[in-house]
C-alpha atoms as a PDB file:
ATOM      1  CA  UNK A   1      -0.086  -0.016  -0.247  1.00  0.00           C
ATOM      2  CA  UNK A   2       1.454   3.560  -0.925  1.00  0.00           C
ATOM      3  CA  UNK A   3       2.334   6.042   2.004  1.00  0.00           C
ATOM      4  CA  UNK A   4       0.068   9.069   2.146  1.00  0.00           C
ATOM      5  CA  UNK A   5       1.845  12.306   2.533  1.00  0.00           C
ATOM      6  CA  UNK A   6       0.149  15.544   3.745  1.00  0.00           C
ATOM      7  CA  UNK A   7       1.311  18.601   1.981  1.00  0.00           C
ATOM      8  CA  UNK A   8       1.985  21.574   4.196  1.00  0.00           C
ATOM      9  CA  UNK A   9      -1.379  23.182   2.659  1.00  0.00           C
ATOM     10  CA  UNK A  10      -3.341  20.432   4.021  1.00  0.00           C
ATOM     11  CA  UNK A  11      -1.874  20.350   7.339  1.00  0.00           C
ATOM     12  CA  UNK A  12      -2.868  23.870   7.740  1.00  0.00           C
ATOM     13  CA  UNK A  13      -6.323  23.237   6.757  1.00  0.00           C
ATOM     14  CA  UNK A  14      -6.398  20.556   9.588  1.00  0.00           C
ATOM     15  CA  UNK A  15      -5.312  23.460  11.694  1.00  0.00           C
ATOM     16  CA  UNK A  16      -8.081  25.929  10.656  1.00  0.00           C
ATOM     17  CA  UNK A  17     -10.703  23.484  10.815  1.00  0.00           C
ATOM     18  CA  UNK A  18      -9.580  22.597  14.592  1.00  0.00           C
ATOM     19  CA  UNK A  19      -9.661  26.400  15.239  1.00  0.00           C
ATOM     20  CA  UNK A  20     -13.322  26.835  13.829  1.00  0.00           C
ATOM     21  CA  UNK A  21     -14.576  23.740  16.082  1.00  0.00           C
ATOM     22  CA  UNK A  22     -14.216  20.961  13.584  1.00  0.00           C
ATOM     23  CA  UNK A  23     -11.386  18.419  14.779  1.00  0.00           C
ATOM     24  CA  UNK A  24     -10.534  15.996  11.870  1.00  0.00           C
ATOM     25  CA  UNK A  25      -8.017  13.212  12.965  1.00  0.00           C
ATOM     26  CA  UNK A  26      -5.332  12.407  10.154  1.00  0.00           C
ATOM     27  CA  UNK A  27      -6.278   8.527  10.310  1.00  0.00           C
ATOM     28  CA  UNK A  28      -9.648   9.641   9.041  1.00  0.00           C
ATOM     29  CA  UNK A  29      -8.193  11.244   6.259  1.00  0.00           C
ATOM     30  CA  UNK A  30      -6.470   8.627   5.495  1.00  0.00           C
ATOM     31  CA  UNK A  31      -9.479   6.355   5.449  1.00  0.00           C
ATOM     32  CA  UNK A  32     -11.211   9.030   3.026  1.00  0.00           C
ATOM     33  CA  UNK A  33      -8.330   8.329   0.545  1.00  0.00           C
ATOM     34  CA  UNK A  34      -8.452   4.438   1.147  1.00  0.00           C
ATOM     35  CA  UNK A  35     -11.828   4.021   1.145  1.00  0.00           C
ATOM     36  CA  UNK A  36     -14.051   6.492  -0.124  1.00  0.00           C
ATOM     37  CA  UNK A  37     -17.583   6.880  -0.324  1.00  0.00           C
ATOM     38  CA  UNK A  38     -17.521   8.881  -3.660  1.00  0.00           C
ATOM     39  CA  UNK A  39     -14.361   9.299  -5.813  1.00  0.00           C
ATOM     40  CA  UNK A  40     -14.192  11.785  -8.676  1.00  0.00           C
ATOM     41  CA  UNK A  41     -11.379  12.994 -11.238  1.00  0.00           C
ATOM     42  CA  UNK A  42     -10.019  16.432 -10.522  1.00  0.00           C
ATOM     43  CA  UNK A  43      -8.161  18.474 -13.126  1.00  0.00           C
ATOM     44  CA  UNK A  44      -4.386  18.144 -13.252  1.00  0.00           C
ATOM     45  CA  UNK A  45      -4.556  14.302 -12.534  1.00  0.00           C
ATOM     46  CA  UNK A  46      -5.973  15.088  -9.004  1.00  0.00           C
ATOM     47  CA  UNK A  47      -8.584  12.941  -7.261  1.00  0.00           C
ATOM     48  CA  UNK A  48     -11.223  13.872  -4.706  1.00  0.00           C
ATOM     49  CA  UNK A  49     -12.456  11.185  -2.269  1.00  0.00           C
ATOM     50  CA  UNK A  50     -15.221  12.093  -0.445  1.00  0.00           C
ATOM     51  CA  UNK A  51     -16.819  10.416   2.827  1.00  0.00           C
ATOM     52  CA  UNK A  52     -19.433  11.143   5.232  1.00  0.00           C
ATOM     53  CA  UNK A  53     -18.570  13.308   8.089  1.00  0.00           C
ATOM     54  CA  UNK A  54     -21.728  13.490  10.148  1.00  0.00           C
ATOM     55  CA  UNK A  55     -25.642  13.865   9.220  1.00  0.00           C
ATOM     56  CA  UNK A  56     -25.053  17.065   7.522  1.00  0.00           C
ATOM     57  CA  UNK A  57     -21.506  17.135   6.050  1.00  0.00           C
ATOM     58  CA  UNK A  58     -19.125  15.278   3.978  1.00  0.00           C
ATOM     59  CA  UNK A  59     -15.137  15.613   4.018  1.00  0.00           C
ATOM     60  CA  UNK A  60     -13.704  15.893   0.280  1.00  0.00           C
ATOM     61  CA  UNK A  61     -10.001  15.395   0.203  1.00  0.00           C
ATOM     62  CA  UNK A  62      -8.129  16.432  -2.833  1.00  0.00           C
ATOM     63  CA  UNK A  63      -5.069  14.261  -3.532  1.00  0.00           C
ATOM     64  CA  UNK A  64      -2.652  13.305  -6.473  1.00  0.00           C
ATOM     65  CA  UNK A  65      -1.237   9.954  -6.883  1.00  0.00           C
ATOM     66  CA  UNK A  66       2.434   9.437  -7.866  1.00  0.00           C
ATOM     67  CA  UNK A  67       4.468   6.128  -8.145  1.00  0.00           C
ATOM     68  CA  UNK A  68       5.986   5.998  -4.664  1.00  0.00           C
ATOM     69  CA  UNK A  69       3.215   7.614  -2.498  1.00  0.00           C
ATOM     70  CA  UNK A  70      -0.066   9.648  -2.644  1.00  0.00           C
ATOM     71  CA  UNK A  71       0.027  13.368  -1.682  1.00  0.00           C
ATOM     72  CA  UNK A  72      -3.080  14.997   0.098  1.00  0.00           C
ATOM     73  CA  UNK A  73      -3.068  18.309  -1.518  1.00  0.00           C
ATOM     74  CA  UNK A  74      -6.028  19.619   0.175  1.00  0.00           C
ATOM     75  CA  UNK A  75      -9.285  18.885   2.135  1.00  0.00           C
ATOM     76  CA  UNK A  76     -12.733  20.598   3.023  1.00  0.00           C
ATOM     77  CA  UNK A  77     -16.059  19.898   4.485  1.00  0.00           C
ATOM     78  CA  UNK A  78     -19.061  20.423   2.291  1.00  0.00           C
ATOM     79  CA  UNK A  79     -22.961  19.782   2.717  1.00  0.00           C
ATOM     80  CA  UNK A  80     -24.178  16.558   1.941  1.00  0.00           C
ATOM     81  CA  UNK A  81     -27.030  17.942   0.168  1.00  0.00           C
ATOM     82  CA  UNK A  82     -24.535  19.604  -2.592  1.00  0.00           C
ATOM     83  CA  UNK A  83     -22.353  16.647  -3.215  1.00  0.00           C
ATOM     84  CA  UNK A  84     -24.917  13.582  -2.427  1.00  0.00           C
ATOM     85  CA  UNK A  85     -26.832  12.448  -5.103  1.00  0.00           C
ATOM     86  CA  UNK A  86     -30.154  10.368  -3.943  1.00  0.00           C
END
């Protein structure tokens, strides 16, 4: 299994979210990438993995896969109603 690395930007985002009352553990972020509820292709070979965070929100993780590792670029919470289709 490939190593997962966090970019400096993604580490800052984790801190910003925690400062706003949303603590997201790195293990959960890794789980989103490894076992997403939904996976989308983004621009420039980026992938967007998504997993339910709670009853109203999902966590979206933008990453790029390289030969030797996966780099998490950024992450953000979003409304389930916006990103989940029934």
